[in-house]
Each structure stands twice: as structure tokens, then as C-alpha cells.
PDB file of all heavy atoms in Angstrom:
ATOM      1  N   GLN A   1      12.545  -1.605 -10.239  1.00  0.00           N
ATOM      2  CA  GLN A   1      13.843  -1.852 -10.858  1.00  0.00           C
ATOM      3  C   GLN A   1      14.340  -3.288 -10.240  1.00  0.00           C
ATOM      4  O   GLN A   1      14.294  -3.564  -9.046  1.00  0.00           O
ATOM      5  CB  GLN A   1      14.803  -0.786 -10.328  1.00  0.00           C
ATOM      6  CG  GLN A   1      16.271  -1.002 -10.872  1.00  0.00           C
ATOM      7  CD  GLN A   1      16.466  -0.520 -12.346  1.00  0.00           C
ATOM      8  OE1 GLN A   1      15.922   0.547 -12.801  1.00  0.00           O
ATOM      9  NE2 GLN A   1      17.270  -1.432 -13.148  1.00  0.00           N
ATOM     10  N   ASP A   2      14.860  -4.097 -11.245  1.00  0.00           N
ATOM     11  CA  ASP A   2      15.515  -5.381 -10.720  1.00  0.00           C
ATOM     12  C   ASP A   2      16.741  -5.595 -11.518  1.00  0.00           C
ATOM     13  O   ASP A   2      17.180  -4.812 -12.235  1.00  0.00           O
ATOM     14  CB  ASP A   2      14.456  -6.530 -10.639  1.00  0.00           C
ATOM     15  CG  ASP A   2      14.110  -6.949 -12.029  1.00  0.00           C
ATOM     16  OD1 ASP A   2      14.657  -6.403 -13.081  1.00  0.00           O
ATOM     17  OD2 ASP A   2      13.206  -7.889 -12.189  1.00  0.00           O
ATOM     18  N   SER A   3      17.284  -6.904 -11.497  1.00  0.00           N
ATOM     19  CA  SER A   3      18.564  -7.099 -12.104  1.00  0.00           C
ATOM     20  C   SER A   3      18.360  -7.136 -13.648  1.00  0.00           C
ATOM     21  O   SER A   3      19.395  -7.047 -14.351  1.00  0.00           O
ATOM     22  CB  SER A   3      19.139  -8.460 -11.696  1.00  0.00           C
ATOM     23  OG  SER A   3      18.073  -9.517 -11.838  1.00  0.00           O
ATOM     24  N   THR A   4      17.066  -7.277 -14.063  1.00  0.00           N
ATOM     25  CA  THR A   4      16.911  -7.283 -15.527  1.00  0.00           C
ATOM     26  C   THR A   4      16.516  -6.091 -16.110  1.00  0.00           C
ATOM     27  O   THR A   4      16.569  -5.939 -17.334  1.00  0.00           O
ATOM     28  CB  THR A   4      15.784  -8.331 -15.870  1.00  0.00           C
ATOM     29  OG1 THR A   4      14.455  -7.777 -15.241  1.00  0.00           O
ATOM     30  CG2 THR A   4      15.954  -9.667 -15.292  1.00  0.00           C
ATOM     31  N   GLY A   5      16.356  -4.933 -15.395  1.00  0.00           N
ATOM     32  CA  GLY A   5      16.082  -3.735 -15.842  1.00  0.00           C
ATOM     33  C   GLY A   5      14.945  -2.883 -15.137  1.00  0.00           C
ATOM     34  O   GLY A   5      14.642  -3.214 -14.138  1.00  0.00           O
ATOM     35  N   TYR A   6      14.298  -1.999 -15.855  1.00  0.00           N
ATOM     36  CA  TYR A   6      13.451  -1.007 -15.188  1.00  0.00           C
ATOM     37  C   TYR A   6      12.098  -1.238 -15.969  1.00  0.00           C
ATOM     38  O   TYR A   6      12.010  -1.464 -17.209  1.00  0.00           O
ATOM     39  CB  TYR A   6      13.797   0.277 -15.286  1.00  0.00           C
ATOM     40  CG  TYR A   6      12.882   1.410 -14.843  1.00  0.00           C
ATOM     41  CD1 TYR A   6      12.878   1.726 -13.506  1.00  0.00           C
ATOM     42  CD2 TYR A   6      12.014   1.990 -15.680  1.00  0.00           C
ATOM     43  CE1 TYR A   6      11.932   2.594 -13.054  1.00  0.00           C
ATOM     44  CE2 TYR A   6      11.030   2.987 -15.165  1.00  0.00           C
ATOM     45  CZ  TYR A   6      11.005   3.220 -13.897  1.00  0.00           C
ATOM     46  OH  TYR A   6      10.172   4.216 -13.304  1.00  0.00           O
ATOM     47  N   CYS A   7      10.954  -1.127 -15.251  1.00  0.00           N
ATOM     48  CA  CYS A   7       9.621  -1.099 -15.844  1.00  0.00           C
ATOM     49  C   CYS A   7       8.771  -0.297 -14.873  1.00  0.00           C
ATOM     50  O   CYS A   7       9.190   0.075 -13.793  1.00  0.00           O
ATOM     51  CB  CYS A   7       9.146  -2.559 -16.045  1.00  0.00           C
ATOM     52  SG  CYS A   7       8.590  -3.325 -14.530  1.00  0.00           S
ATOM     53  N   GLU A   8       7.465  -0.117 -15.290  1.00  0.00           N
ATOM     54  CA  GLU A   8       6.532   0.578 -14.543  1.00  0.00           C
ATOM     55  C   GLU A   8       5.314  -0.488 -14.086  1.00  0.00           C
ATOM     56  O   GLU A   8       5.266  -1.459 -14.946  1.00  0.00           O
ATOM     57  CB  GLU A   8       5.987   1.765 -15.190  1.00  0.00           C
ATOM     58  CG  GLU A   8       6.923   2.897 -15.267  1.00  0.00           C
ATOM     59  CD  GLU A   8       6.343   4.069 -15.742  1.00  0.00           C
ATOM     60  OE1 GLU A   8       5.159   4.156 -16.436  1.00  0.00           O
ATOM     61  OE2 GLU A   8       6.956   5.259 -15.697  1.00  0.00           O
ATOM     62  N   VAL A   9       4.738  -0.272 -13.032  1.00  0.00           N
ATOM     63  CA  VAL A   9       3.591  -1.014 -12.555  1.00  0.00           C
ATOM     64  C   VAL A   9       2.286  -0.128 -12.480  1.00  0.00           C
ATOM     65  O   VAL A   9       2.377   1.019 -11.973  1.00  0.00           O
ATOM     66  CB  VAL A   9       3.920  -1.713 -11.216  1.00  0.00           C
ATOM     67  CG1 VAL A   9       2.711  -2.421 -10.772  1.00  0.00           C
ATOM     68  CG2 VAL A   9       5.100  -2.372 -11.179  1.00  0.00           C
ATOM     69  N   ASP A  10       1.235  -0.586 -13.166  1.00  0.00           N
ATOM     70  CA  ASP A  10       0.072   0.039 -13.145  1.00  0.00           C
ATOM     71  C   ASP A  10      -0.792  -0.716 -12.019  1.00  0.00           C
ATOM     72  O   ASP A  10      -1.284  -1.826 -12.279  1.00  0.00           O
ATOM     73  CB  ASP A  10      -0.775  -0.035 -14.436  1.00  0.00           C
ATOM     74  CG  ASP A  10      -2.032   0.738 -14.429  1.00  0.00           C
ATOM     75  OD1 ASP A  10      -2.490   1.073 -13.298  1.00  0.00           O
ATOM     76  OD2 ASP A  10      -2.748   1.002 -15.485  1.00  0.00           O
ATOM     77  N   PRO A  11      -0.986  -0.210 -10.854  1.00  0.00           N
ATOM     78  CA  PRO A  11      -1.663  -0.976  -9.740  1.00  0.00           C
ATOM     79  C   PRO A  11      -3.115  -1.154  -9.816  1.00  0.00           C
ATOM     80  O   PRO A  11      -3.844  -1.768  -9.026  1.00  0.00           O
ATOM     81  CB  PRO A  11      -1.323  -0.139  -8.476  1.00  0.00           C
ATOM     82  CG  PRO A  11      -1.215   1.221  -8.938  1.00  0.00           C
ATOM     83  CD  PRO A  11      -0.698   1.201 -10.314  1.00  0.00           C
ATOM     84  N   ASN A  12      -3.759  -0.545 -10.907  1.00  0.00           N
ATOM     85  CA  ASN A  12      -5.236  -0.595 -10.948  1.00  0.00           C
ATOM     86  C   ASN A  12      -5.626  -2.047 -11.097  1.00  0.00           C
ATOM     87  O   ASN A  12      -5.194  -2.777 -11.939  1.00  0.00           O
ATOM     88  CB  ASN A  12      -5.690   0.162 -12.153  1.00  0.00           C
ATOM     89  CG  ASN A  12      -5.622   1.807 -11.896  1.00  0.00           C
ATOM     90  OD1 ASN A  12      -6.198   2.106 -10.929  1.00  0.00           O
ATOM     91  ND2 ASN A  12      -4.804   2.433 -12.747  1.00  0.00           N
ATOM     92  N   HIS A  13      -6.669  -2.386 -10.372  1.00  0.00           N
ATOM     93  CA  HIS A  13      -7.252  -3.821 -10.370  1.00  0.00           C
ATOM     94  C   HIS A  13      -6.327  -4.897  -9.702  1.00  0.00           C
ATOM     95  O   HIS A  13      -6.666  -6.086  -9.956  1.00  0.00           O
ATOM     96  CB  HIS A  13      -7.717  -4.218 -11.829  1.00  0.00           C
ATOM     97  CG  HIS A  13      -8.488  -3.175 -12.586  1.00  0.00           C
ATOM     98  ND1 HIS A  13      -9.717  -2.860 -12.093  1.00  0.00           N
ATOM     99  CD2 HIS A  13      -8.138  -2.244 -13.608  1.00  0.00           C
ATOM    100  CE1 HIS A  13     -10.217  -1.833 -12.805  1.00  0.00           C
ATOM    101  NE2 HIS A  13      -9.420  -1.531 -13.791  1.00  0.00           N
ATOM    102  N   ALA A  14      -5.298  -4.440  -9.057  1.00  0.00           N
ATOM    103  CA  ALA A  14      -4.413  -5.473  -8.541  1.00  0.00           C
ATOM    104  C   ALA A  14      -4.939  -5.758  -7.102  1.00  0.00           C
ATOM    105  O   ALA A  14      -5.552  -4.903  -6.441  1.00  0.00           O
ATOM    106  CB  ALA A  14      -2.886  -4.953  -8.445  1.00  0.00           C
ATOM    107  N   GLU A  15      -4.556  -7.089  -6.746  1.00  0.00           N
ATOM    108  CA  GLU A  15      -4.760  -7.401  -5.325  1.00  0.00           C
ATOM    109  C   GLU A  15      -3.416  -7.037  -4.614  1.00  0.00           C
ATOM    110  O   GLU A  15      -2.396  -7.522  -5.033  1.00  0.00           O
ATOM    111  CB  GLU A  15      -5.020  -8.799  -5.202  1.00  0.00           C
ATOM    112  CG  GLU A  15      -5.028  -9.337  -3.743  1.00  0.00           C
ATOM    113  CD  GLU A  15      -5.165 -10.823  -3.444  1.00  0.00           C
ATOM    114  OE1 GLU A  15      -5.260 -11.572  -4.446  1.00  0.00           O
ATOM    115  OE2 GLU A  15      -5.141 -11.240  -2.332  1.00  0.00           O
ATOM    116  N   VAL A  16      -3.508  -6.056  -3.711  1.00  0.00           N
ATOM    117  CA  VAL A  16      -2.220  -5.526  -3.042  1.00  0.00           C
ATOM    118  C   VAL A  16      -2.221  -5.989  -1.708  1.00  0.00           C
ATOM    119  O   VAL A  16      -3.119  -5.926  -0.834  1.00  0.00           O
ATOM    120  CB  VAL A  16      -2.210  -3.930  -3.113  1.00  0.00           C
ATOM    121  CG1 VAL A  16      -0.952  -3.427  -2.486  1.00  0.00           C
ATOM    122  CG2 VAL A  16      -2.432  -3.466  -4.558  1.00  0.00           C
ATOM    123  N   ILE A  17      -1.055  -6.571  -1.322  1.00  0.00           N
ATOM    124  CA  ILE A  17      -0.762  -6.989   0.151  1.00  0.00           C
ATOM    125  C   ILE A  17       0.310  -6.181   0.658  1.00  0.00           C
ATOM    126  O   ILE A  17       1.545  -6.230   0.268  1.00  0.00           O
ATOM    127  CB  ILE A  17      -0.421  -8.414   0.054  1.00  0.00           C
ATOM    128  CG1 ILE A  17      -1.480  -9.359  -0.481  1.00  0.00           C
ATOM    129  CG2 ILE A  17      -0.072  -8.964   1.617  1.00  0.00           C
ATOM    130  CD1 ILE A  17      -1.050 -10.899  -0.692  1.00  0.00           C
ATOM    131  N   ALA A  18      -0.075  -5.227   1.522  1.00  0.00           N
ATOM    132  CA  ALA A  18       0.953  -4.247   2.101  1.00  0.00           C
ATOM    133  C   ALA A  18       1.613  -4.850   3.253  1.00  0.00           C
ATOM    134  O   ALA A  18       0.937  -5.503   4.110  1.00  0.00           O
ATOM    135  CB  ALA A  18       0.106  -2.979   2.491  1.00  0.00           C
ATOM    136  N   SER A  19       2.861  -4.631   3.544  1.00  0.00           N
ATOM    137  CA  SER A  19       3.626  -5.008   4.566  1.00  0.00           C
ATOM    138  C   SER A  19       3.529  -3.977   5.874  1.00  0.00           C
ATOM    139  O   SER A  19       4.004  -4.334   6.877  1.00  0.00           O
ATOM    140  CB  SER A  19       4.982  -5.338   4.127  1.00  0.00           C
ATOM    141  OG  SER A  19       5.682  -4.169   3.764  1.00  0.00           O
ATOM    142  N   ASP A  20       2.957  -2.886   5.521  1.00  0.00           N
ATOM    143  CA  ASP A  20       2.957  -1.765   6.519  1.00  0.00           C
ATOM    144  C   ASP A  20       1.667  -1.180   6.714  1.00  0.00           C
ATOM    145  O   ASP A  20       0.943  -0.672   5.844  1.00  0.00           O
ATOM    146  CB  ASP A  20       3.846  -0.703   5.920  1.00  0.00           C
ATOM    147  CG  ASP A  20       4.124   0.457   6.922  1.00  0.00           C
ATOM    148  OD1 ASP A  20       3.357   0.606   7.923  1.00  0.00           O
ATOM    149  OD2 ASP A  20       5.184   1.049   6.804  1.00  0.00           O
ATOM    150  N   ARG A  21       1.104  -1.527   7.874  1.00  0.00           N
ATOM    151  CA  ARG A  21      -0.371  -1.028   8.079  1.00  0.00           C
ATOM    152  C   ARG A  21      -0.203  -0.192   9.543  1.00  0.00           C
ATOM    153  O   ARG A  21       0.414  -0.577  10.440  1.00  0.00           O
ATOM    154  CB  ARG A  21      -1.296  -2.113   8.400  1.00  0.00           C
ATOM    155  CG  ARG A  21      -2.672  -1.767   8.974  1.00  0.00           C
ATOM    156  CD  ARG A  21      -3.811  -2.761   8.835  1.00  0.00           C
ATOM    157  NE  ARG A  21      -4.269  -2.821   7.509  1.00  0.00           N
ATOM    158  CZ  ARG A  21      -5.360  -3.522   7.159  1.00  0.00           C
ATOM    159  NH1 ARG A  21      -5.990  -4.196   8.059  1.00  0.00           N
ATOM    160  NH2 ARG A  21      -5.689  -3.542   5.856  1.00  0.00           N
ATOM    161  N   TYR A  22      -0.965   0.872   9.614  1.00  0.00           N
ATOM    162  CA  TYR A  22      -0.921   1.807  10.701  1.00  0.00           C
ATOM    163  C   TYR A  22      -2.354   2.131  11.068  1.00  0.00           C
ATOM    164  O   TYR A  22      -3.128   2.467  10.196  1.00  0.00           O
ATOM    165  CB  TYR A  22      -0.221   3.002  10.423  1.00  0.00           C
ATOM    166  CG  TYR A  22      -0.142   4.105  11.548  1.00  0.00           C
ATOM    167  CD1 TYR A  22       0.697   3.682  12.672  1.00  0.00           C
ATOM    168  CD2 TYR A  22      -0.829   5.161  11.564  1.00  0.00           C
ATOM    169  CE1 TYR A  22       0.731   4.692  13.726  1.00  0.00           C
ATOM    170  CE2 TYR A  22      -0.787   6.041  12.634  1.00  0.00           C
ATOM    171  CZ  TYR A  22       0.001   5.816  13.681  1.00  0.00           C
ATOM    172  OH  TYR A  22       0.012   6.604  14.721  1.00  0.00           O
ATOM    173  N   THR A  23      -2.845   2.064  12.247  1.00  0.00           N
ATOM    174  CA  THR A  23      -4.093   2.262  12.774  1.00  0.00           C
ATOM    175  C   THR A  23      -4.004   3.398  13.829  1.00  0.00           C
ATOM    176  O   THR A  23      -3.180   3.305  14.793  1.00  0.00           O
ATOM    177  CB  THR A  23      -4.733   1.024  13.331  1.00  0.00           C
ATOM    178  OG1 THR A  23      -4.817   0.066  12.283  1.00  0.00           O
ATOM    179  CG2 THR A  23      -6.197   1.351  13.737  1.00  0.00           C
ATOM    180  N   GLN A  24      -4.944   4.514  13.724  1.00  0.00           N
ATOM    181  CA  GLN A  24      -5.007   5.481  14.654  1.00  0.00           C
ATOM    182  C   GLN A  24      -6.366   5.620  15.094  1.00  0.00           C
ATOM    183  O   GLN A  24      -7.336   5.873  14.129  1.00  0.00           O
ATOM    184  CB  GLN A  24      -4.338   6.753  14.138  1.00  0.00           C
ATOM    185  CG  GLN A  24      -4.365   7.947  14.990  1.00  0.00           C
ATOM    186  CD  GLN A  24      -3.825   9.096  14.448  1.00  0.00           C
ATOM    187  OE1 GLN A  24      -2.652   9.037  13.970  1.00  0.00           O
ATOM    188  NE2 GLN A  24      -4.418  10.267  14.475  1.00  0.00           N
ATOM    189  N   VAL A  25      -6.652   5.785  16.321  1.00  0.00           N
ATOM    190  CA  VAL A  25      -8.090   6.166  16.756  1.00  0.00           C
ATOM    191  C   VAL A  25      -8.044   7.425  17.483  1.00  0.00           C
ATOM    192  O   VAL A  25      -7.199   7.697  18.411  1.00  0.00           O
ATOM    193  CB  VAL A  25      -8.587   5.059  17.852  1.00  0.00           C
ATOM    194  CG1 VAL A  25      -9.950   5.384  18.377  1.00  0.00           C
ATOM    195  CG2 VAL A  25      -8.676   3.663  17.057  1.00  0.00           C
ATOM    196  N   SER A  26      -8.806   8.341  17.165  1.00  0.00           N
ATOM    197  CA  SER A  26      -8.857   9.628  17.708  1.00  0.00           C
ATOM    198  C   SER A  26     -10.367  10.154  17.930  1.00  0.00           C
ATOM    199  O   SER A  26     -11.168  10.260  16.869  1.00  0.00           O
ATOM    200  CB  SER A  26      -8.166  10.687  16.769  1.00  0.00           C
ATOM    201  OG  SER A  26      -8.270  12.051  17.325  1.00  0.00           O
ATOM    202  N   HIS A  27     -10.764  10.238  19.133  1.00  0.00           N
ATOM    203  CA  HIS A  27     -12.253  10.635  19.517  1.00  0.00           C
ATOM    204  C   HIS A  27     -13.153   9.581  18.854  1.00  0.00           C
ATOM    205  O   HIS A  27     -13.066   8.394  19.204  1.00  0.00           O
ATOM    206  CB  HIS A  27     -12.456  12.034  19.015  1.00  0.00           C
ATOM    207  CG  HIS A  27     -11.538  13.012  19.576  1.00  0.00           C
ATOM    208  ND1 HIS A  27     -11.477  13.397  20.921  1.00  0.00           N
ATOM    209  CD2 HIS A  27     -10.496  13.755  18.980  1.00  0.00           C
ATOM    210  CE1 HIS A  27     -10.573  14.275  21.234  1.00  0.00           C
ATOM    211  NE2 HIS A  27      -9.951  14.590  20.047  1.00  0.00           N
ATOM    212  N   GLN A  28     -14.057   9.990  17.902  1.00  0.00           N
ATOM    213  CA  GLN A  28     -14.919   9.147  17.354  1.00  0.00           C
ATOM    214  C   GLN A  28     -14.618   8.603  15.978  1.00  0.00           C
ATOM    215  O   GLN A  28     -15.445   8.128  15.283  1.00  0.00           O
ATOM    216  CB  GLN A  28     -16.349   9.771  17.277  1.00  0.00           C
ATOM    217  CG  GLN A  28     -16.881  10.091  18.724  1.00  0.00           C
ATOM    218  CD  GLN A  28     -17.232   8.968  19.538  1.00  0.00           C
ATOM    219  OE1 GLN A  28     -17.848   8.022  19.089  1.00  0.00           O
ATOM    220  NE2 GLN A  28     -16.810   8.910  20.694  1.00  0.00           N
ATOM    221  N   HIS A  29     -13.290   8.594  15.642  1.00  0.00           N
ATOM    222  CA  HIS A  29     -12.804   8.273  14.263  1.00  0.00           C
ATOM    223  C   HIS A  29     -11.660   7.288  14.386  1.00  0.00           C
ATOM    224  O   HIS A  29     -10.832   7.367  15.437  1.00  0.00           O
ATOM    225  CB  HIS A  29     -12.447   9.520  13.547  1.00  0.00           C
ATOM    226  CG  HIS A  29     -13.490  10.315  13.048  1.00  0.00           C
ATOM    227  ND1 HIS A  29     -14.141  11.336  13.859  1.00  0.00           N
ATOM    228  CD2 HIS A  29     -14.208  10.384  11.870  1.00  0.00           C
ATOM    229  CE1 HIS A  29     -15.145  11.948  13.253  1.00  0.00           C
ATOM    230  NE2 HIS A  29     -15.259  11.344  11.920  1.00  0.00           N
ATOM    231  N   LYS A  30     -11.644   6.377  13.449  1.00  0.00           N
ATOM    232  CA  LYS A  30     -10.480   5.451  13.211  1.00  0.00           C
ATOM    233  C   LYS A  30     -10.047   5.577  12.015  1.00  0.00           C
ATOM    234  O   LYS A  30     -10.664   5.623  10.926  1.00  0.00           O
ATOM    235  CB  LYS A  30     -10.974   3.975  13.678  1.00  0.00           C
ATOM    236  CG  LYS A  30      -9.993   2.930  13.486  1.00  0.00           C
ATOM    237  CD  LYS A  30     -10.295   1.614  14.025  1.00  0.00           C
ATOM    238  CE  LYS A  30     -11.456   0.994  13.350  1.00  0.00           C
ATOM    239  NZ  LYS A  30     -11.783  -0.379  13.830  1.00  0.00           N
ATOM    240  N   TYR A  31      -8.690   5.600  11.898  1.00  0.00           N
ATOM    241  CA  TYR A  31      -7.925   5.766  10.667  1.00  0.00           C
ATOM    242  C   TYR A  31      -7.114   4.444  10.376  1.00  0.00           C
ATOM    243  O   TYR A  31      -6.273   4.209  11.366  1.00  0.00           O
ATOM    244  CB  TYR A  31      -7.059   7.039  10.546  1.00  0.00           C
ATOM    245  CG  TYR A  31      -7.838   8.219  11.038  1.00  0.00           C
ATOM    246  CD1 TYR A  31      -7.967   8.714  12.336  1.00  0.00           C
ATOM    247  CD2 TYR A  31      -8.457   9.032  10.008  1.00  0.00           C
ATOM    248  CE1 TYR A  31      -8.681   9.846  12.649  1.00  0.00           C
ATOM    249  CE2 TYR A  31      -9.164  10.141  10.323  1.00  0.00           C
ATOM    250  CZ  TYR A  31      -9.314  10.552  11.679  1.00  0.00           C
ATOM    251  OH  TYR A  31     -10.027  11.728  12.029  1.00  0.00           O
ATOM    252  N   ILE A  32      -7.207   3.958   9.229  1.00  0.00           N
ATOM    253  CA  ILE A  32      -6.268   2.808   8.929  1.00  0.00           C
ATOM    254  C   ILE A  32      -5.512   3.123   7.527  1.00  0.00           C
ATOM    255  O   ILE A  32      -6.227   3.553   6.564  1.00  0.00           O
ATOM    256  CB  ILE A  32      -7.105   1.506   8.723  1.00  0.00           C
ATOM    257  CG1 ILE A  32      -7.914   1.216  10.020  1.00  0.00           C
ATOM    258  CG2 ILE A  32      -6.180   0.377   8.373  1.00  0.00           C
ATOM    259  CD1 ILE A  32      -8.764   0.100   9.898  1.00  0.00           C
ATOM    260  N   GLU A  33      -4.214   2.877   7.416  1.00  0.00           N
ATOM    261  CA  GLU A  33      -3.423   3.257   6.343  1.00  0.00           C
ATOM    262  C   GLU A  33      -2.608   1.936   5.972  1.00  0.00           C
ATOM    263  O   GLU A  33      -1.817   1.520   6.804  1.00  0.00           O
ATOM    264  CB  GLU A  33      -2.570   4.432   6.634  1.00  0.00           C
ATOM    265  CG  GLU A  33      -1.743   4.845   5.547  1.00  0.00           C
ATOM    266  CD  GLU A  33      -0.915   6.118   5.894  1.00  0.00           C
ATOM    267  OE1 GLU A  33       0.154   5.930   6.523  1.00  0.00           O
ATOM    268  OE2 GLU A  33      -1.374   7.101   5.467  1.00  0.00           O
TER     269      GLU A  33
END
């Protein structure tokens, strides 16, 4: 939603740059989100 109205976004095949990354290491595993 912006000042011009509403639309939808299909993220398939997009280059996505996320502002929020979280990393967790537990035992022998590492998780990144």
C-alpha cells in the first residue's frame, strides 16, 4: 500500500534484500533467517 493505492507483489524470481537477519547456533546446527 502506498499513496497511489494498493497492489500485490509476487516475490517469485525477485532479488530480495532483507533488512532483518537473525542467526542462531545450537549444538551442531546453525540457523539463519
